[in-house]
Amino acid sequence: MEWSSEAEVKIHKAPFFIRNFARKKAEEVAKLKGKRLVELEDVEMAKKNREVADISNIDLSVKGCLKGCSQTQIKDIGSIGYIKPKANKGFCVGCLQCVKAYPTNNKNI
């Protein structure tokens, strides 16, 4: 489906994680009107009706991987989180696996 330049500018103002979803909704509005060109008014109408939008197909990824897993970048919404490891005196068995895995963060070991 073709897009007018004004509609393209408006859709690029949407947050990146919802932009594809907003684009689909604007195209649906234009199709319902029997149009082949998405115009600014179609984007505005889709935005106005967003509270009834179906968001059941949004892909979500939450990872704690420090190795650069790409799933959080591939999905519609992604989050990466981790904590710095530290030795817990009651649980440390002296295997030094933490030193091998995190050589720059071994001050507390």
Protein backbone atom coordinates (compact mmCIF):
# COMPACT_ATOMS: atom_id res chain seq x y z
CA MET A 1 0.00 0.00 0.00
CA GLU A 2 1.26 3.49 -0.86
CA TRP A 3 1.75 6.19 1.78
CA SER A 4 1.58 9.96 1.45
CA SER A 5 4.63 11.89 2.66
CA GLU A 6 2.60 13.52 5.47
CA ALA A 7 1.41 10.12 6.67
CA GLU A 8 4.98 8.74 6.60
CA VAL A 9 6.23 11.66 8.70
CA LYS A 10 3.43 11.14 11.22
CA ILE A 11 3.96 7.36 11.52
CA HIS A 12 7.70 7.86 12.15
CA LYS A 13 6.80 9.90 15.24
CA ALA A 14 5.32 6.78 16.84
CA PRO A 15 7.62 4.93 19.27
CA PHE A 16 9.76 2.37 17.41
CA PHE A 17 8.32 -0.58 19.32
CA ILE A 18 4.76 0.17 18.17
CA ARG A 19 5.46 1.68 14.74
CA ASN A 20 4.76 -1.50 12.72
CA PHE A 21 1.55 -2.07 14.64
CA ALA A 22 0.46 1.55 14.05
CA ARG A 23 1.33 1.23 10.36
CA LYS A 24 -0.89 -1.86 10.02
CA LYS A 25 -3.77 -0.12 11.78
CA ALA A 26 -3.51 2.95 9.52
CA GLU A 27 -3.51 0.69 6.45
CA GLU A 28 -6.60 -1.11 7.78
CA VAL A 29 -8.39 2.24 8.14
CA ALA A 30 -7.47 3.20 4.57
CA LYS A 31 -8.62 -0.20 3.21
CA LEU A 32 -11.95 0.14 5.01
CA LYS A 33 -12.42 3.43 3.17
CA GLY A 34 -11.59 1.71 -0.14
CA LYS A 35 -8.35 3.66 -0.60
CA ARG A 36 -5.00 2.55 -1.96
CA LEU A 37 -3.09 5.49 -0.45
CA VAL A 38 -2.67 5.96 3.30
CA GLU A 39 -3.08 9.63 4.12
CA LEU A 40 -2.59 11.67 7.27
CA GLU A 41 -6.29 11.44 8.16
CA ASP A 42 -6.05 7.62 8.13
CA VAL A 43 -3.13 7.69 10.55
CA GLU A 44 -5.04 10.10 12.80
CA MET A 45 -8.15 7.88 12.69
CA ALA A 46 -6.11 4.80 13.59
CA LYS A 47 -4.52 6.73 16.46
CA LYS A 48 -7.92 7.90 17.67
CA ASN A 49 -9.22 4.31 17.76
CA ARG A 50 -6.17 2.79 19.43
CA GLU A 51 -8.00 1.90 22.64
CA VAL A 52 -9.93 -0.81 20.77
CA ALA A 53 -6.85 -2.12 18.96
CA ASP A 54 -6.02 -5.80 19.10
CA ILE A 55 -2.57 -6.18 20.64
CA SER A 56 -2.68 -9.95 21.03
CA ASN A 57 -0.03 -10.48 18.32
CA ILE A 58 2.76 -8.37 19.85
CA ASP A 59 5.94 -10.37 20.44
CA LEU A 60 7.64 -9.77 23.79
CA SER A 61 11.07 -10.88 24.92
CA VAL A 62 12.69 -10.49 28.34
CA LYS A 63 16.23 -11.81 28.68
CA GLY A 64 19.04 -11.78 31.19
CA CYS A 65 21.72 -12.94 28.78
CA LEU A 66 25.05 -11.11 28.74
CA LYS A 67 26.20 -12.89 25.58
CA GLY A 68 24.32 -10.53 23.23
CA CYS A 69 21.19 -12.57 22.52
CA SER A 70 19.36 -10.94 19.63
CA GLN A 71 15.82 -11.96 20.56
CA THR A 72 15.18 -8.69 22.38
CA GLN A 73 16.05 -6.73 19.24
CA ILE A 74 13.95 -8.97 16.97
CA LYS A 75 10.73 -8.79 18.98
CA ASP A 76 8.27 -5.88 19.03
CA ILE A 77 9.10 -5.15 22.68
CA GLY A 78 12.31 -6.34 24.29
CA SER A 79 14.07 -5.87 27.60
CA ILE A 80 17.51 -6.95 28.76
CA GLY A 81 18.44 -7.00 32.41
CA TYR A 82 21.15 -8.49 34.55
CA ILE A 83 22.92 -8.05 37.87
CA LYS A 84 26.63 -8.14 38.56
CA PRO A 85 27.57 -11.43 40.22
CA LYS A 86 29.04 -11.39 43.68
CA ALA A 87 30.16 -14.15 45.99
CA ASN A 88 27.79 -15.17 48.73
CA LYS A 89 29.96 -16.50 51.55
CA GLY A 90 27.37 -19.05 52.59
CA PHE A 91 27.07 -20.59 49.11
CA CYS A 92 30.58 -20.25 47.62
CA VAL A 93 32.30 -23.60 47.07
CA GLY A 94 35.52 -22.11 45.70
CA CYS A 95 35.11 -23.38 42.12
CA LEU A 96 36.12 -19.96 40.66
CA GLN A 97 33.65 -20.32 37.76
CA CYS A 98 32.53 -16.76 38.48
CA VAL A 99 36.10 -15.51 37.95
CA LYS A 100 36.32 -17.33 34.61
CA ALA A 101 32.94 -16.01 33.44
CA TYR A 102 33.45 -12.42 34.65
CA PRO A 103 37.20 -11.74 34.82
CA THR A 104 36.79 -7.95 35.12
CA ASN A 105 34.35 -8.19 38.02
CA ASN A 106 36.23 -10.44 40.43
CA LYS A 107 37.15 -7.85 43.07
CA ASN A 108 34.53 -9.18 45.51
CA ILE A 109 35.52 -12.83 45.18
